[in-house]
C-alpha atoms as a PDB file:
ATOM      1  CA  UNK A   1       0.308  30.505  16.564  1.00  0.00           C
ATOM      2  CA  UNK A   2      -0.325  31.056  13.018  1.00  0.00           C
ATOM      3  CA  UNK A   3      -3.007  32.050  10.992  1.00  0.00           C
ATOM      4  CA  UNK A   4      -3.352  28.465   9.555  1.00  0.00           C
ATOM      5  CA  UNK A   5      -4.122  26.513  12.808  1.00  0.00           C
ATOM      6  CA  UNK A   6      -7.486  25.719  11.403  1.00  0.00           C
ATOM      7  CA  UNK A   7      -6.744  24.759   7.825  1.00  0.00           C
ATOM      8  CA  UNK A   8      -5.643  21.365   6.969  1.00  0.00           C
ATOM      9  CA  UNK A   9      -3.404  21.327   3.663  1.00  0.00           C
ATOM     10  CA  UNK A  10      -4.135  18.206   1.394  1.00  0.00           C
ATOM     11  CA  UNK A  11      -1.519  17.297  -1.628  1.00  0.00           C
ATOM     12  CA  UNK A  12      -3.063  14.985  -4.409  1.00  0.00           C
ATOM     13  CA  UNK A  13      -0.685  14.099  -6.622  1.00  0.00           C
ATOM     14  CA  UNK A  14      -0.155  12.155 -10.175  1.00  0.00           C
ATOM     15  CA  UNK A  15       2.857   9.907 -10.137  1.00  0.00           C
ATOM     16  CA  UNK A  16       3.916   8.848 -13.487  1.00  0.00           C
ATOM     17  CA  UNK A  17       5.757  12.289 -14.723  1.00  0.00           C
ATOM     18  CA  UNK A  18       4.414  14.302 -11.865  1.00  0.00           C
ATOM     19  CA  UNK A  19       6.387  12.649  -8.708  1.00  0.00           C
ATOM     20  CA  UNK A  20       8.083  10.448 -10.835  1.00  0.00           C
ATOM     21  CA  UNK A  21      10.400  11.305 -13.550  1.00  0.00           C
ATOM     22  CA  UNK A  22       8.382  10.315 -16.807  1.00  0.00           C
ATOM     23  CA  UNK A  23      11.555   8.130 -18.056  1.00  0.00           C
ATOM     24  CA  UNK A  24      13.876   7.178 -15.322  1.00  0.00           C
ATOM     25  CA  UNK A  25      10.768   7.013 -12.537  1.00  0.00           C
ATOM     26  CA  UNK A  26      12.914   8.359 -10.014  1.00  0.00           C
ATOM     27  CA  UNK A  27      11.559  10.831  -7.088  1.00  0.00           C
ATOM     28  CA  UNK A  28      14.722  11.459  -5.753  1.00  0.00           C
ATOM     29  CA  UNK A  29      14.537  15.288  -6.510  1.00  0.00           C
ATOM     30  CA  UNK A  30      11.348  15.506  -4.346  1.00  0.00           C
ATOM     31  CA  UNK A  31      12.799  13.551  -1.465  1.00  0.00           C
ATOM     32  CA  UNK A  32      14.027  16.407   0.747  1.00  0.00           C
ATOM     33  CA  UNK A  33      10.319  18.122   0.717  1.00  0.00           C
ATOM     34  CA  UNK A  34       8.383  14.933   0.805  1.00  0.00           C
ATOM     35  CA  UNK A  35      10.587  14.577   4.167  1.00  0.00           C
ATOM     36  CA  UNK A  36       9.690  18.094   5.558  1.00  0.00           C
ATOM     37  CA  UNK A  37       5.912  17.308   4.545  1.00  0.00           C
ATOM     38  CA  UNK A  38       5.945  14.287   6.478  1.00  0.00           C
ATOM     39  CA  UNK A  39       7.316  16.416   9.475  1.00  0.00           C
ATOM     40  CA  UNK A  40       4.369  18.993   8.880  1.00  0.00           C
ATOM     41  CA  UNK A  41       1.683  16.279   9.034  1.00  0.00           C
ATOM     42  CA  UNK A  42       0.688  17.293   5.348  1.00  0.00           C
ATOM     43  CA  UNK A  43      -0.621  14.346   3.481  1.00  0.00           C
ATOM     44  CA  UNK A  44       0.900  13.610   0.384  1.00  0.00           C
ATOM     45  CA  UNK A  45      -1.805  11.369  -1.337  1.00  0.00           C
ATOM     46  CA  UNK A  46      -1.027   9.291  -4.542  1.00  0.00           C
ATOM     47  CA  UNK A  47      -3.820   9.578  -7.231  1.00  0.00           C
ATOM     48  CA  UNK A  48      -2.821   7.413 -10.165  1.00  0.00           C
ATOM     49  CA  UNK A  49      -3.386   5.063 -13.128  1.00  0.00           C
ATOM     50  CA  UNK A  50      -0.902   2.567 -11.230  1.00  0.00           C
ATOM     51  CA  UNK A  51      -2.187  -0.329  -9.464  1.00  0.00           C
ATOM     52  CA  UNK A  52      -2.851  -0.970  -5.767  1.00  0.00           C
ATOM     53  CA  UNK A  53       0.341  -3.581  -5.722  1.00  0.00           C
ATOM     54  CA  UNK A  54       2.688  -0.788  -7.369  1.00  0.00           C
ATOM     55  CA  UNK A  55       1.530   1.803  -4.965  1.00  0.00           C
ATOM     56  CA  UNK A  56       1.622  -0.606  -2.091  1.00  0.00           C
ATOM     57  CA  UNK A  57       5.988  -0.556  -2.971  1.00  0.00           C
ATOM     58  CA  UNK A  58       6.028   3.156  -3.764  1.00  0.00           C
ATOM     59  CA  UNK A  59       4.165   4.003  -0.477  1.00  0.00           C
ATOM     60  CA  UNK A  60       6.607   1.705   1.398  1.00  0.00           C
ATOM     61  CA  UNK A  61      10.000   3.558  -0.353  1.00  0.00           C
ATOM     62  CA  UNK A  62       8.280   7.022   0.369  1.00  0.00           C
ATOM     63  CA  UNK A  63       7.156   6.093   4.249  1.00  0.00           C
ATOM     64  CA  UNK A  64       3.477   7.275   3.312  1.00  0.00           C
ATOM     65  CA  UNK A  65       0.635   6.066   5.458  1.00  0.00           C
ATOM     66  CA  UNK A  66      -1.750   8.096   3.507  1.00  0.00           C
ATOM     67  CA  UNK A  67      -5.016   7.481   1.319  1.00  0.00           C
ATOM     68  CA  UNK A  68      -4.240   6.736  -2.185  1.00  0.00           C
ATOM     69  CA  UNK A  69      -6.595   6.595  -5.226  1.00  0.00           C
ATOM     70  CA  UNK A  70      -5.715   4.043  -8.325  1.00  0.00           C
ATOM     71  CA  UNK A  71      -6.707   3.148 -11.604  1.00  0.00           C
ATOM     72  CA  UNK A  72      -7.442   6.602 -12.570  1.00  0.00           C
ATOM     73  CA  UNK A  73     -10.244   7.139  -9.703  1.00  0.00           C
ATOM     74  CA  UNK A  74     -11.705   3.670 -10.159  1.00  0.00           C
ATOM     75  CA  UNK A  75     -11.202   3.296  -6.199  1.00  0.00           C
ATOM     76  CA  UNK A  76      -9.753   4.910  -3.150  1.00  0.00           C
ATOM     77  CA  UNK A  77      -7.755   2.950  -0.499  1.00  0.00           C
ATOM     78  CA  UNK A  78      -7.654   4.164   3.091  1.00  0.00           C
ATOM     79  CA  UNK A  79      -5.811   2.985   6.023  1.00  0.00           C
ATOM     80  CA  UNK A  80      -7.987   1.953   8.805  1.00  0.00           C
ATOM     81  CA  UNK A  81      -5.989   4.045  10.873  1.00  0.00           C
ATOM     82  CA  UNK A  82      -7.114   7.438   9.210  1.00  0.00           C
ATOM     83  CA  UNK A  83     -10.815   7.796   9.839  1.00  0.00           C
ATOM     84  CA  UNK A  84     -13.107   5.755  12.407  1.00  0.00           C
ATOM     85  CA  UNK A  85     -15.262   5.324   9.983  1.00  0.00           C
ATOM     86  CA  UNK A  86     -16.489   6.152   6.424  1.00  0.00           C
ATOM     87  CA  UNK A  87     -19.514   7.643   4.354  1.00  0.00           C
ATOM     88  CA  UNK A  88     -20.991   4.555   2.408  1.00  0.00           C
ATOM     89  CA  UNK A  89     -20.198   1.058   1.839  1.00  0.00           C
ATOM     90  CA  UNK A  90     -16.343   0.304   1.978  1.00  0.00           C
ATOM     91  CA  UNK A  91     -14.960  -2.951   1.563  1.00  0.00           C
ATOM     92  CA  UNK A  92     -11.825  -4.269   3.474  1.00  0.00           C
ATOM     93  CA  UNK A  93      -8.796  -5.183   1.608  1.00  0.00           C
ATOM     94  CA  UNK A  94      -5.854  -6.591   4.046  1.00  0.00           C
ATOM     95  CA  UNK A  95      -5.602  -3.099   6.572  1.00  0.00           C
ATOM     96  CA  UNK A  96      -7.420  -1.301   4.296  1.00  0.00           C
ATOM     97  CA  UNK A  97     -10.902   0.280   3.475  1.00  0.00           C
ATOM     98  CA  UNK A  98     -11.388  -0.048  -0.198  1.00  0.00           C
ATOM     99  CA  UNK A  99     -14.305   2.430  -1.867  1.00  0.00           C
ATOM    100  CA  UNK A 100     -14.625   1.463  -5.546  1.00  0.00           C
ATOM    101  CA  UNK A 101     -16.167   3.580  -8.198  1.00  0.00           C
ATOM    102  CA  UNK A 102     -15.971   0.729 -11.101  1.00  0.00           C
ATOM    103  CA  UNK A 103     -16.886  -2.416 -12.251  1.00  0.00           C
ATOM    104  CA  UNK A 104     -14.218  -4.987 -11.943  1.00  0.00           C
ATOM    105  CA  UNK A 105     -11.232  -5.773 -14.590  1.00  0.00           C
ATOM    106  CA  UNK A 106     -13.106  -8.663 -16.142  1.00  0.00           C
ATOM    107  CA  UNK A 107     -16.032  -6.650 -17.446  1.00  0.00           C
ATOM    108  CA  UNK A 108     -14.222  -4.355 -19.656  1.00  0.00           C
ATOM    109  CA  UNK A 109     -11.508  -6.965 -20.962  1.00  0.00           C
ATOM    110  CA  UNK A 110     -14.955  -8.744 -22.161  1.00  0.00           C
ATOM    111  CA  UNK A 111     -16.204  -5.452 -23.553  1.00  0.00           C
ATOM    112  CA  UNK A 112     -12.902  -5.131 -25.473  1.00  0.00           C
ATOM    113  CA  UNK A 113     -12.904  -8.281 -26.817  1.00  0.00           C
ATOM    114  CA  UNK A 114     -16.053  -7.367 -28.335  1.00  0.00           C
ATOM    115  CA  UNK A 115     -14.093  -4.905 -30.692  1.00  0.00           C
ATOM    116  CA  UNK A 116     -11.209  -6.868 -31.734  1.00  0.00           C
ATOM    117  CA  UNK A 117     -12.909  -7.767 -35.283  1.00  0.00           C
ATOM    118  CA  UNK A 118     -13.853  -4.026 -35.851  1.00  0.00           C
ATOM    119  CA  UNK A 119     -10.611  -2.535 -34.857  1.00  0.00           C
ATOM    120  CA  UNK A 120      -8.641  -5.741 -35.828  1.00  0.00           C
ATOM    121  CA  UNK A 121      -4.592  -5.234 -35.376  1.00  0.00           C
ATOM    122  CA  UNK A 122      -5.090  -1.402 -34.077  1.00  0.00           C
ATOM    123  CA  UNK A 123      -4.704  -1.851 -30.408  1.00  0.00           C
ATOM    124  CA  UNK A 124      -3.387  -4.155 -27.872  1.00  0.00           C
ATOM    125  CA  UNK A 125      -4.567  -4.413 -23.938  1.00  0.00           C
ATOM    126  CA  UNK A 126      -2.197  -5.334 -20.922  1.00  0.00           C
ATOM    127  CA  UNK A 127      -4.245  -8.788 -20.948  1.00  0.00           C
ATOM    128  CA  UNK A 128      -3.246  -9.274 -24.201  1.00  0.00           C
ATOM    129  CA  UNK A 129       0.335  -8.375 -24.241  1.00  0.00           C
ATOM    130  CA  UNK A 130       1.376 -10.428 -20.836  1.00  0.00           C
ATOM    131  CA  UNK A 131       4.085  -9.054 -18.697  1.00  0.00           C
ATOM    132  CA  UNK A 132       6.495  -9.742 -21.460  1.00  0.00           C
ATOM    133  CA  UNK A 133       4.785  -6.755 -23.266  1.00  0.00           C
ATOM    134  CA  UNK A 134       3.984  -4.600 -20.420  1.00  0.00           C
ATOM    135  CA  UNK A 135       7.804  -4.509 -20.192  1.00  0.00           C
ATOM    136  CA  UNK A 136       8.640  -3.868 -23.749  1.00  0.00           C
ATOM    137  CA  UNK A 137       5.880  -0.578 -23.788  1.00  0.00           C
ATOM    138  CA  UNK A 138       7.167   0.691 -20.327  1.00  0.00           C
ATOM    139  CA  UNK A 139      10.699  -0.306 -19.859  1.00  0.00           C
ATOM    140  CA  UNK A 140       9.917  -1.771 -16.338  1.00  0.00           C
ATOM    141  CA  UNK A 141      11.415  -4.534 -14.929  1.00  0.00           C
ATOM    142  CA  UNK A 142       9.576  -7.772 -14.639  1.00  0.00           C
ATOM    143  CA  UNK A 143       8.529  -7.500 -11.094  1.00  0.00           C
ATOM    144  CA  UNK A 144       7.249  -4.045 -11.652  1.00  0.00           C
ATOM    145  CA  UNK A 145       5.320  -5.493 -14.811  1.00  0.00           C
ATOM    146  CA  UNK A 146       3.542  -8.122 -12.725  1.00  0.00           C
ATOM    147  CA  UNK A 147       2.617  -5.405 -10.323  1.00  0.00           C
ATOM    148  CA  UNK A 148       1.218  -3.131 -12.975  1.00  0.00           C
ATOM    149  CA  UNK A 149      -0.716  -5.782 -14.386  1.00  0.00           C
ATOM    150  CA  UNK A 150      -2.311  -6.849 -11.474  1.00  0.00           C
ATOM    151  CA  UNK A 151      -5.457  -4.411 -12.235  1.00  0.00           C
ATOM    152  CA  UNK A 152      -8.649  -5.066 -10.249  1.00  0.00           C
ATOM    153  CA  UNK A 153     -11.122  -2.335 -11.915  1.00  0.00           C
ATOM    154  CA  UNK A 154      -9.882  -1.148 -15.166  1.00  0.00           C
ATOM    155  CA  UNK A 155      -7.893  -2.881 -18.538  1.00  0.00           C
ATOM    156  CA  UNK A 156      -4.890  -0.277 -20.330  1.00  0.00           C
ATOM    157  CA  UNK A 157      -4.880  -0.052 -24.332  1.00  0.00           C
ATOM    158  CA  UNK A 158      -1.952   0.675 -26.185  1.00  0.00           C
ATOM    159  CA  UNK A 159      -2.955   2.543 -29.260  1.00  0.00           C
ATOM    160  CA  UNK A 160      -1.320   1.454 -32.800  1.00  0.00           C
ATOM    161  CA  UNK A 161      -3.348   2.717 -35.173  1.00  0.00           C
ATOM    162  CA  UNK A 162      -4.334   6.611 -36.616  1.00  0.00           C
ATOM    163  CA  UNK A 163      -5.886   9.307 -34.822  1.00  0.00           C
ATOM    164  CA  UNK A 164      -9.126   9.003 -37.020  1.00  0.00           C
ATOM    165  CA  UNK A 165      -9.484   5.178 -36.009  1.00  0.00           C
ATOM    166  CA  UNK A 166      -8.590   5.918 -32.657  1.00  0.00           C
ATOM    167  CA  UNK A 167     -11.678   8.677 -32.147  1.00  0.00           C
ATOM    168  CA  UNK A 168     -13.839   6.045 -33.205  1.00  0.00           C
ATOM    169  CA  UNK A 169     -12.259   3.075 -31.192  1.00  0.00           C
ATOM    170  CA  UNK A 170     -12.929   5.847 -27.986  1.00  0.00           C
ATOM    171  CA  UNK A 171     -16.525   6.281 -29.220  1.00  0.00           C
ATOM    172  CA  UNK A 172     -17.389   2.763 -29.381  1.00  0.00           C
ATOM    173  CA  UNK A 173     -15.911   1.863 -26.393  1.00  0.00           C
ATOM    174  CA  UNK A 174     -17.950   4.585 -24.512  1.00  0.00           C
ATOM    175  CA  UNK A 175     -21.192   3.895 -26.458  1.00  0.00           C
ATOM    176  CA  UNK A 176     -20.664   0.549 -24.655  1.00  0.00           C
ATOM    177  CA  UNK A 177     -20.811   2.363 -20.862  1.00  0.00           C
ATOM    178  CA  UNK A 178     -16.794   2.830 -20.341  1.00  0.00           C
ATOM    179  CA  UNK A 179     -15.115   5.503 -19.552  1.00  0.00           C
ATOM    180  CA  UNK A 180     -12.075   6.460 -21.551  1.00  0.00           C
ATOM    181  CA  UNK A 181      -8.873   8.195 -19.752  1.00  0.00           C
ATOM    182  CA  UNK A 182      -5.888   9.339 -22.094  1.00  0.00           C
ATOM    183  CA  UNK A 183      -2.891   8.849 -19.915  1.00  0.00           C
ATOM    184  CA  UNK A 184       0.859   9.312 -20.975  1.00  0.00           C
ATOM    185  CA  UNK A 185       1.022   6.212 -22.289  1.00  0.00           C
ATOM    186  CA  UNK A 186      -1.992   4.443 -22.721  1.00  0.00           C
ATOM    187  CA  UNK A 187      -6.009   4.649 -23.100  1.00  0.00           C
ATOM    188  CA  UNK A 188      -7.670   3.474 -19.915  1.00  0.00           C
ATOM    189  CA  UNK A 189     -10.825   1.998 -19.872  1.00  0.00           C
ATOM    190  CA  UNK A 190     -12.890   2.043 -16.840  1.00  0.00           C
ATOM    191  CA  UNK A 191     -16.380   2.767 -15.291  1.00  0.00           C
ATOM    192  CA  UNK A 192     -17.997   5.746 -14.397  1.00  0.00           C
ATOM    193  CA  UNK A 193     -15.101   7.375 -12.772  1.00  0.00           C
ATOM    194  CA  UNK A 194     -12.506   9.874 -12.802  1.00  0.00           C
ATOM    195  CA  UNK A 195      -9.732  11.024 -10.731  1.00  0.00           C
ATOM    196  CA  UNK A 196     -11.789  14.538  -9.960  1.00  0.00           C
ATOM    197  CA  UNK A 197     -14.779  12.440  -8.379  1.00  0.00           C
ATOM    198  CA  UNK A 198     -12.532   9.978  -6.233  1.00  0.00           C
ATOM    199  CA  UNK A 199     -10.631  13.499  -5.444  1.00  0.00           C
ATOM    200  CA  UNK A 200     -14.195  14.796  -4.133  1.00  0.00           C
ATOM    201  CA  UNK A 201     -15.297  11.965  -2.186  1.00  0.00           C
ATOM    202  CA  UNK A 202     -11.855  11.440   0.020  1.00  0.00           C
ATOM    203  CA  UNK A 203     -12.137  15.434   0.639  1.00  0.00           C
ATOM    204  CA  UNK A 204     -15.339  14.918   1.977  1.00  0.00           C
ATOM    205  CA  UNK A 205     -14.128  11.891   4.411  1.00  0.00           C
ATOM    206  CA  UNK A 206     -11.174  14.677   5.491  1.00  0.00           C
ATOM    207  CA  UNK A 207     -13.728  17.358   6.071  1.00  0.00           C
ATOM    208  CA  UNK A 208     -16.310  15.055   8.081  1.00  0.00           C
ATOM    209  CA  UNK A 209     -13.314  13.887  10.260  1.00  0.00           C
ATOM    210  CA  UNK A 210     -11.485  17.147  10.611  1.00  0.00           C
ATOM    211  CA  UNK A 211     -14.907  19.172  11.584  1.00  0.00           C
ATOM    212  CA  UNK A 212     -14.249  22.712  12.080  1.00  0.00           C
ATOM    213  CA  UNK A 213     -11.236  22.799   9.877  1.00  0.00           C
ATOM    214  CA  UNK A 214     -10.798  24.448   6.277  1.00  0.00           C
ATOM    215  CA  UNK A 215      -9.438  22.261   3.934  1.00  0.00           C
ATOM    216  CA  UNK A 216      -6.724  23.501   1.668  1.00  0.00           C
ATOM    217  CA  UNK A 217      -6.464  21.237  -1.321  1.00  0.00           C
ATOM    218  CA  UNK A 218      -3.642  21.331  -4.173  1.00  0.00           C
ATOM    219  CA  UNK A 219      -3.282  18.476  -7.161  1.00  0.00           C
ATOM    220  CA  UNK A 220      -0.417  18.020  -9.290  1.00  0.00           C
ATOM    221  CA  UNK A 221      -0.565  16.213 -12.589  1.00  0.00           C
ATOM    222  CA  UNK A 222       0.996  16.515 -16.259  1.00  0.00           C
ATOM    223  CA  UNK A 223      -1.876  14.793 -18.371  1.00  0.00           C
ATOM    224  CA  UNK A 224      -5.018  14.860 -19.785  1.00  0.00           C
ATOM    225  CA  UNK A 225      -6.451  12.238 -17.650  1.00  0.00           C
ATOM    226  CA  UNK A 226      -5.395  14.562 -14.588  1.00  0.00           C
ATOM    227  CA  UNK A 227      -7.833  17.220 -15.871  1.00  0.00           C
ATOM    228  CA  UNK A 228     -10.866  16.456 -13.647  1.00  0.00           C
ATOM    229  CA  UNK A 229      -8.938  16.238 -10.502  1.00  0.00           C
ATOM    230  CA  UNK A 230      -7.065  19.600 -11.260  1.00  0.00           C
ATOM    231  CA  UNK A 231     -10.257  21.135 -11.816  1.00  0.00           C
ATOM    232  CA  UNK A 232     -11.849  20.261  -8.466  1.00  0.00           C
ATOM    233  CA  UNK A 233      -9.025  21.693  -6.155  1.00  0.00           C
ATOM    234  CA  UNK A 234      -8.153  24.906  -4.701  1.00  0.00           C
ATOM    235  CA  UNK A 235      -4.473  25.230  -6.396  1.00  0.00           C
ATOM    236  CA  UNK A 236      -4.171  23.196  -9.440  1.00  0.00           C
ATOM    237  CA  UNK A 237      -0.809  22.405 -10.390  1.00  0.00           C
ATOM    238  CA  UNK A 238       0.221  21.307 -14.287  1.00  0.00           C
ATOM    239  CA  UNK A 239       3.734  19.596 -14.223  1.00  0.00           C
ATOM    240  CA  UNK A 240       5.520  20.426 -17.813  1.00  0.00           C
ATOM    241  CA  UNK A 241       5.860  17.041 -19.675  1.00  0.00           C
ATOM    242  CA  UNK A 242       8.791  16.132 -22.084  1.00  0.00           C
ATOM    243  CA  UNK A 243       6.077  14.224 -24.388  1.00  0.00           C
ATOM    244  CA  UNK A 244       2.574  15.915 -24.094  1.00  0.00           C
ATOM    245  CA  UNK A 245       1.240  19.131 -24.570  1.00  0.00           C
ATOM    246  CA  UNK A 246       0.069  21.070 -21.445  1.00  0.00           C
ATOM    247  CA  UNK A 247      -3.742  20.048 -20.607  1.00  0.00           C
ATOM    248  CA  UNK A 248      -6.361  23.132 -20.594  1.00  0.00           C
ATOM    249  CA  UNK A 249      -8.180  23.883 -17.478  1.00  0.00           C
ATOM    250  CA  UNK A 250     -11.277  25.663 -16.855  1.00  0.00           C
ATOM    251  CA  UNK A 251      -9.869  26.803 -13.308  1.00  0.00           C
ATOM    252  CA  UNK A 252      -8.872  30.439 -12.801  1.00  0.00           C
ATOM    253  CA  UNK A 253      -5.775  29.560 -10.535  1.00  0.00           C
ATOM    254  CA  UNK A 254      -3.467  27.154 -12.318  1.00  0.00           C
ATOM    255  CA  UNK A 255       0.224  27.144 -11.972  1.00  0.00           C
ATOM    256  CA  UNK A 256       2.306  25.841 -14.371  1.00  0.00           C
ATOM    257  CA  UNK A 257       5.823  24.557 -13.531  1.00  0.00           C
ATOM    258  CA  UNK A 258       9.066  25.869 -15.616  1.00  0.00           C
ATOM    259  CA  UNK A 259      10.754  22.191 -14.721  1.00  0.00           C
ATOM    260  CA  UNK A 260       9.548  18.868 -15.372  1.00  0.00           C
ATOM    261  CA  UNK A 261       8.576  15.754 -13.550  1.00  0.00           C
ATOM    262  CA  UNK A 262       9.695  15.952  -9.711  1.00  0.00           C
ATOM    263  CA  UNK A 263      11.794  18.842  -9.945  1.00  0.00           C
ATOM    264  CA  UNK A 264       8.438  20.776 -11.234  1.00  0.00           C
ATOM    265  CA  UNK A 265       6.635  19.237  -8.341  1.00  0.00           C
ATOM    266  CA  UNK A 266       8.962  20.479  -5.792  1.00  0.00           C
ATOM    267  CA  UNK A 267       9.017  24.136  -7.780  1.00  0.00           C
ATOM    268  CA  UNK A 268       5.006  24.432  -7.123  1.00  0.00           C
ATOM    269  CA  UNK A 269       4.793  22.831  -4.301  1.00  0.00           C
ATOM    270  CA  UNK A 270       7.214  24.653  -2.408  1.00  0.00           C
ATOM    271  CA  UNK A 271       6.097  27.902  -3.753  1.00  0.00           C
ATOM    272  CA  UNK A 272       2.787  27.277  -3.098  1.00  0.00           C
ATOM    273  CA  UNK A 273       2.499  25.893   0.456  1.00  0.00           C
ATOM    274  CA  UNK A 274       5.637  27.261   1.966  1.00  0.00           C
ATOM    275  CA  UNK A 275       4.267  30.112   3.756  1.00  0.00           C
ATOM    276  CA  UNK A 276       1.371  28.223   5.185  1.00  0.00           C
ATOM    277  CA  UNK A 277       3.342  25.449   7.086  1.00  0.00           C
ATOM    278  CA  UNK A 278       5.462  25.481  10.085  1.00  0.00           C
ATOM    279  CA  UNK A 279       7.962  22.507  10.437  1.00  0.00           C
ATOM    280  CA  UNK A 280      11.649  22.058  11.344  1.00  0.00           C
ATOM    281  CA  UNK A 281      13.338  21.885   8.024  1.00  0.00           C
ATOM    282  CA  UNK A 282      15.560  19.153   6.896  1.00  0.00           C
ATOM    283  CA  UNK A 283      19.151  19.305   6.244  1.00  0.00           C
ATOM    284  CA  UNK A 284      18.575  20.128   2.395  1.00  0.00           C
ATOM    285  CA  UNK A 285      14.808  21.475   2.848  1.00  0.00           C
ATOM    286  CA  UNK A 286      13.618  23.189  -0.489  1.00  0.00           C
ATOM    287  CA  UNK A 287      10.616  24.420   1.439  1.00  0.00           C
ATOM    288  CA  UNK A 288      10.755  28.315   0.704  1.00  0.00           C
ATOM    289  CA  UNK A 289      12.888  27.747  -2.735  1.00  0.00           C
ATOM    290  CA  UNK A 290      10.911  29.033  -5.610  1.00  0.00           C
END
């Protein structure tokens, strides 16, 4: 019997640039470790700017049956089999409970239209760009771009102007009641939510369900819109990024990876939780490697 029998480990993870490579969107480097975590019954919970439609495809590929958080914390989706009941009012979408923290997408689209004259030619939105424009901005296939555009609670903005104008734009959007989150490629316009609030709410669901167990929470992210998530967990991990500076956290116990993307994800998760879990290793197990 090990000393961690009464501990439930939760791994929250950003997707693009963290679990997925920033350029190729590949997670192949993390597959052996993800297999070990499935065997050890350690939930890996995506927390992302992506949509539910995008996450459904990735979760199927990863054989992931755990909850997930979409659109930068705008909503938490929980498979009905996870918990017998939830705190608060949740909608039902297919076989999922949905707890939303933001107004719907149409609300933010209308707000952005109000700013088109003041900031003419300085920004474009996913709505305005359409699927073809999203493909050009992201390098995604048509099918993937269509899923990226199936947003429920937010509107991504591609900023085309200078930094001074960008700050004026952010101030104008926030003055109208929105939250602006800077992702790896886009500004995300949404409600009074962030990844941290959503993570805290979901942790409470786990705490209520696993009464008597201590939660050990990890979170991995590479960008500034991950800061709120990283600051509310026990062990924050900053994945080194090839395109942006390392976010600054107030947390005292931060692990900054040496490697990028999924290689960095494996580096950090293996080092931080290998001593705390016990599972039959896969043939290519990375658990325990630094």
